[in-house]
Protein backbone atom coordinates (compact mmCIF):
# COMPACT_ATOMS: atom_id res chain seq x y z
CA MET A 1 93.85 97.40 49.69
CA THR A 2 96.61 97.80 47.12
CA GLY A 3 96.10 98.86 43.53
CA ASP A 4 96.93 95.32 42.38
CA ALA A 5 94.24 93.85 44.62
CA GLN A 6 91.62 96.12 43.03
CA ARG A 7 92.67 95.35 39.47
CA PRO A 8 90.06 93.28 37.57
CA ASN A 9 91.01 89.78 36.49
CA LEU A 10 91.43 89.87 32.71
CA SER A 11 93.32 86.61 32.38
CA PHE A 12 92.72 84.56 29.24
CA GLY A 13 92.06 80.85 29.00
CA PRO A 14 94.78 78.51 27.75
CA ASP A 15 93.25 78.32 24.28
CA GLU A 16 92.52 82.03 23.90
CA GLU A 17 94.69 84.69 22.39
CA PRO A 18 94.88 88.17 23.95
CA GLY A 19 94.18 91.27 21.91
CA VAL A 20 90.64 90.43 20.76
CA GLY A 21 88.60 91.85 23.62
CA THR A 22 88.04 90.89 27.22
CA PRO A 23 87.10 87.33 28.21
CA TYR A 24 83.64 88.64 29.08
CA ALA A 25 83.18 90.19 25.64
CA ARG A 26 84.15 86.94 23.97
CA TYR A 27 82.06 84.79 26.30
CA VAL A 28 78.80 86.63 25.53
CA HIS A 29 79.81 87.61 21.97
CA LEU A 30 79.35 91.31 22.64
CA ASP A 31 80.60 92.35 19.21
CA VAL A 32 77.85 90.27 17.57
CA LEU A 33 75.18 91.14 20.14
CA HIS A 34 75.58 94.90 19.80
CA SER A 35 75.67 94.75 16.01
CA LEU A 36 72.22 93.19 15.69
CA GLN A 37 70.21 96.37 16.24
CA GLN A 38 69.78 97.98 12.83
CA PRO A 39 66.83 100.38 12.68
CA ARG A 40 65.46 101.10 9.21
CA SER A 41 63.87 104.43 10.01
CA LYS A 42 64.74 107.66 11.81
CA GLU A 43 62.06 107.10 14.46
CA PRO A 44 63.80 106.82 17.90
CA ALA A 45 61.15 104.38 19.16
CA GLU A 46 62.18 101.79 16.58
CA LEU A 47 65.36 100.95 18.49
CA SER A 48 63.30 100.17 21.61
CA PHE A 49 61.03 97.97 19.49
CA ILE A 50 63.96 96.04 18.03
CA ILE A 51 65.83 95.52 21.30
CA THR A 52 62.71 94.50 23.22
CA THR A 53 61.66 91.95 20.62
CA GLN A 54 65.20 90.56 20.46
CA VAL A 55 65.25 90.19 24.25
CA MET A 56 61.89 88.41 24.07
CA GLU A 57 63.27 85.98 21.51
CA LEU A 58 66.23 85.16 23.79
CA LEU A 59 63.85 84.63 26.69
CA PHE A 60 61.76 82.29 24.53
CA ASP A 61 64.91 80.20 24.07
CA LEU A 62 65.54 80.21 27.83
CA LEU A 63 61.94 79.20 28.52
CA TRP A 64 62.20 76.36 26.01
CA HIS A 65 65.31 75.17 27.85
CA GLU A 66 63.54 75.22 31.24
CA TRP A 67 60.33 73.58 30.05
CA THR A 68 62.12 70.80 28.16
CA THR A 69 64.36 70.29 31.20
CA ALA A 70 61.18 69.90 33.26
CA GLN A 71 59.83 67.50 30.64
CA GLN A 72 62.91 65.31 30.82
CA ALA A 73 62.82 65.29 34.62
CA LEU A 74 59.17 64.20 34.55
CA ARG A 75 60.07 61.34 32.22
CA GLU A 76 62.73 60.26 34.71
CA ASP A 77 60.28 60.46 37.63
CA ASP A 78 62.39 63.29 39.06
CA LEU A 79 59.62 65.46 40.46
CA THR A 80 62.05 67.65 42.40
CA GLY A 81 64.03 68.42 39.26
CA ALA A 82 60.87 69.13 37.28
CA LEU A 83 59.56 71.52 39.93
CA ALA A 84 62.88 73.36 40.05
CA ALA A 85 62.87 73.82 36.26
CA LEU A 86 59.26 75.01 36.27
CA LYS A 87 60.10 77.51 39.01
CA ARG A 88 63.02 78.88 36.99
CA GLY A 89 60.72 79.02 33.99
CA ALA A 90 58.19 81.01 36.01
CA HIS A 91 60.85 83.62 36.78
CA THR A 92 61.63 83.80 33.05
CA GLN A 93 57.93 84.25 32.32
CA ASP A 94 57.75 87.11 34.82
CA VAL A 95 60.51 88.93 32.94
CA LEU A 96 58.74 88.26 29.65
CA VAL A 97 55.49 89.73 30.95
CA SER A 98 57.32 92.78 32.32
CA SER A 99 59.12 93.30 29.02
CA TRP A 100 55.87 94.61 27.55
CA ASP A 101 56.39 97.70 29.71
CA LEU A 102 59.06 98.79 27.23
CA LEU A 103 56.56 98.81 24.37
CA ALA A 104 53.21 99.49 26.02
CA THR A 105 53.60 103.26 26.10
CA MET A 106 54.65 103.58 22.45
CA THR A 107 52.18 105.97 20.84
CA PRO A 108 50.37 105.19 17.58
CA ALA A 109 52.30 108.03 15.95
CA GLU A 110 55.64 106.54 16.99
CA PHE A 111 54.72 103.05 15.82
CA ASN A 112 53.25 104.28 12.54
CA ALA A 113 56.46 106.22 11.86
CA PHE A 114 58.41 102.98 11.37
CA ARG A 115 55.66 100.43 10.71
CA PRO A 116 56.10 100.66 6.91
CA VAL A 117 59.71 99.42 7.16
CA LEU A 118 58.48 96.22 8.85
CA GLY A 119 56.84 95.09 5.63
CA GLU A 120 55.19 91.74 6.36
CA ALA A 121 57.37 91.06 9.41
CA SER A 122 55.39 90.25 12.55
CA GLY A 123 56.01 88.67 15.93
CA PHE A 124 53.23 86.30 14.88
CA GLN A 125 55.91 84.63 12.72
CA SER A 126 58.25 83.83 15.63
CA SER A 127 59.11 80.15 15.39
CA ALA A 128 60.57 80.18 18.92
CA PHE A 129 57.27 81.44 20.32
CA LEU A 130 55.22 78.97 18.27
CA ARG A 131 57.42 76.12 19.48
CA LEU A 132 56.57 77.14 23.07
CA GLU A 133 52.87 77.18 22.21
CA PHE A 134 53.17 73.64 20.84
CA LEU A 135 55.00 72.58 24.00
CA LEU A 136 52.07 73.90 26.02
CA GLY A 137 49.66 71.81 23.94
CA ASN A 138 48.38 74.70 21.85
CA LYS A 139 49.09 72.91 18.57
CA SER A 140 48.00 73.54 14.99
CA ASP A 141 49.50 71.90 11.93
CA ARG A 142 48.33 74.71 9.63
CA MET A 143 50.80 77.04 11.35
CA LEU A 144 53.66 75.10 9.76
CA LYS A 145 52.79 76.52 6.34
CA MET A 146 54.41 79.82 7.31
CA TYR A 147 57.78 78.09 7.37
CA GLU A 148 57.76 76.36 3.99
CA ASP A 149 60.75 78.49 2.96
CA SER A 150 62.59 77.71 6.22
CA PRO A 151 63.03 73.90 6.29
CA ALA A 152 65.06 73.79 9.51
CA GLU A 153 62.47 75.83 11.43
CA GLN A 154 59.63 73.82 9.93
CA GLN A 155 61.28 70.56 10.91
CA ALA A 156 61.81 71.69 14.52
CA LEU A 157 58.21 72.83 14.75
CA ALA A 158 56.92 69.60 13.19
CA ALA A 159 58.80 67.63 15.85
CA ALA A 160 57.22 69.75 18.59
CA LEU A 161 53.82 69.33 16.95
CA ARG A 162 54.03 65.54 16.87
CA GLY A 163 55.81 65.06 20.18
CA PRO A 164 54.38 65.07 23.70
CA SER A 165 53.63 68.41 25.29
CA LEU A 166 54.82 69.39 28.75
CA TYR A 167 51.31 68.62 29.98
CA ASP A 168 51.37 65.16 28.35
CA ASP A 169 54.50 64.31 30.33
CA ALA A 170 52.95 65.59 33.54
CA LEU A 171 49.88 63.42 32.96
CA ALA A 172 52.12 60.45 32.15
CA LEU A 173 53.74 60.88 35.56
CA LEU A 174 50.33 60.87 37.21
CA ASP A 175 49.49 57.68 35.35
CA ARG A 176 52.71 55.97 36.48
CA ARG A 177 51.97 56.95 40.07
CA GLY A 178 48.59 55.29 40.11
CA VAL A 179 46.33 58.09 38.93
CA PRO A 180 44.91 57.06 35.52
CA ALA A 181 45.24 59.96 33.09
CA PRO A 182 45.11 59.98 29.27
CA HIS A 183 48.42 61.33 27.99
CA GLU A 184 48.95 60.23 24.40
CA PRO A 185 50.33 63.12 22.31
CA VAL A 186 48.14 64.54 19.55
CA ALA A 187 49.04 66.99 16.80
CA ALA A 188 46.16 69.31 17.67
CA ARG A 189 45.18 71.78 20.37
CA HIS A 190 44.62 70.10 23.71
CA ALA A 191 40.92 69.88 24.45
CA ALA A 192 39.52 69.64 27.97
CA ASP A 193 39.06 65.97 28.89
CA PRO A 194 36.75 64.81 31.72
CA ALA A 195 39.11 61.90 32.42
CA VAL A 196 42.03 64.29 32.92
CA GLU A 197 39.90 66.47 35.16
CA ALA A 198 39.00 63.39 37.21
CA ALA A 199 42.70 62.56 37.54
CA TRP A 200 43.50 66.00 38.96
CA ARG A 201 40.49 65.75 41.27
CA THR A 202 41.99 62.57 42.67
CA VAL A 203 45.38 64.24 43.08
CA TYR A 204 43.91 67.17 44.99
CA THR A 205 41.59 65.15 47.23
CA ASP A 206 43.60 62.01 48.02
CA PRO A 207 46.29 62.63 50.70
CA ALA A 208 48.32 59.78 49.20
CA HIS A 209 49.11 62.03 46.22
CA VAL A 210 50.12 65.17 48.08
CA GLU A 211 53.41 65.33 46.16
CA LEU A 212 51.54 65.54 42.90
CA VAL A 213 49.62 68.56 44.19
CA ARG A 214 52.92 70.43 44.05
CA LEU A 215 53.16 69.54 40.38
CA GLY A 216 49.62 70.72 39.72
CA GLU A 217 50.33 74.04 41.40
CA ALA A 218 53.60 74.50 39.51
CA LEU A 219 51.78 73.88 36.24
CA LEU A 220 49.13 76.40 37.26
CA ASP A 221 51.87 78.94 38.01
CA THR A 222 53.07 78.38 34.45
CA ALA A 223 49.58 78.59 32.97
CA ASP A 224 48.74 81.73 34.92
CA ARG A 225 51.82 83.48 33.57
CA VAL A 226 50.99 82.42 30.02
CA THR A 227 47.62 84.12 30.42
CA ARG A 228 49.28 87.23 31.85
CA TRP A 229 51.64 87.34 28.86
CA ARG A 230 48.75 87.06 26.41
CA GLN A 231 46.70 89.70 28.20
CA ARG A 232 49.66 92.07 28.39
CA HIS A 233 50.34 91.51 24.69
CA TYR A 234 46.72 92.24 23.87
CA SER A 235 46.55 95.44 25.93
CA SER A 236 49.90 96.71 24.59
CA VAL A 237 48.85 96.22 20.97
CA LYS A 238 45.43 97.73 21.66
CA ARG A 239 47.08 100.85 23.05
CA THR A 240 49.72 101.15 20.33
CA MET A 241 47.86 100.27 17.14
CA GLY A 242 44.22 99.69 18.03
CA ALA A 243 42.20 97.22 15.98
CA LYS A 244 44.17 97.60 12.73
CA PRO A 245 45.27 94.32 11.07
CA GLY A 246 48.64 92.93 12.15
CA THR A 247 51.72 93.58 10.02
CA GLY A 248 51.99 89.90 9.11
CA GLY A 249 48.42 89.73 7.86
CA SER A 250 46.93 88.40 11.11
CA SER A 251 43.67 89.76 12.47
CA GLY A 252 45.72 91.61 15.08
CA LEU A 253 43.69 92.51 18.13
CA THR A 254 40.92 89.97 17.46
CA TRP A 255 43.41 87.08 17.35
CA LEU A 256 45.19 88.28 20.50
CA LYS A 257 41.92 88.62 22.41
CA HIS A 258 40.91 85.08 21.43
CA ALA A 259 44.31 83.76 22.57
CA ALA A 260 44.07 85.61 25.89
CA ASP A 261 40.72 83.95 26.59
CA GLN A 262 42.08 80.39 26.17
CA ASP A 263 43.09 78.59 29.38
CA VAL A 264 46.32 76.59 29.38
CA PHE A 265 45.94 73.19 31.11
CA PRO A 266 42.13 73.70 31.33
CA GLU A 267 41.41 70.73 33.61
CA LEU A 268 43.58 72.23 36.34
CA TRP A 269 41.37 75.31 36.30
CA ALA A 270 38.08 73.40 36.00
CA VAL A 271 38.77 71.06 38.93
CA ARG A 272 39.04 74.08 41.26
CA ASN A 273 35.27 74.52 40.93
CA GLU A 274 34.85 71.34 42.97
CA LEU A 275 37.61 71.66 45.58
């Protein structure tokens, strides 16, 4: 091969001017991305904390994209498209769960060395994460009070609170395909419903609905990974800071343990007792 053949392609688009970085740098906004890590202490572990939480936030955005894509596909009766989006979302969830490995071995001494500079900042305040919780049906209107000083975030969360969850749209598809299932959105945490459990029992036992079994299993893949995330979060915090209150004023470990014990899409788990 000649030297020219090995030379990387650094051509610029028709609307781009040379001299301001490579096309790759501009495409992913590298100058902005690498300027966002600004530790406030001299503790080396703080940089890992900042980068990991920033990566998590980006993955929350990606997961929102995949789950709302699945939602839209369900509304269009495109089961294949919905399953593909849920599968991509599951891969994103796997990365999210694994991301705790970067923080899980942080010692209490390391965390305490920079904890004071966090002030009242806490991952508990992540609007992107809360929006995902609402999309899963884990809704609570009192959570909106945290965002009274952030109208745009509060408005986006209010829309997710009032709108149908991913599970609502899945149940609506069941209903349209001849399996009666309550699916009206509510602005509260989804509570296990015997009628929904009966709908899934029909799906799993009636060969006429074999396609919908694939949807049930894809939703369980999603729910299982949510539980893994919550359990990994709980164990990481327990190791790093023990049972001390959270930086944002939450109950810390107690709240995380309660969250880890809550099943997502509970009827899908309950119906397995009878299959």
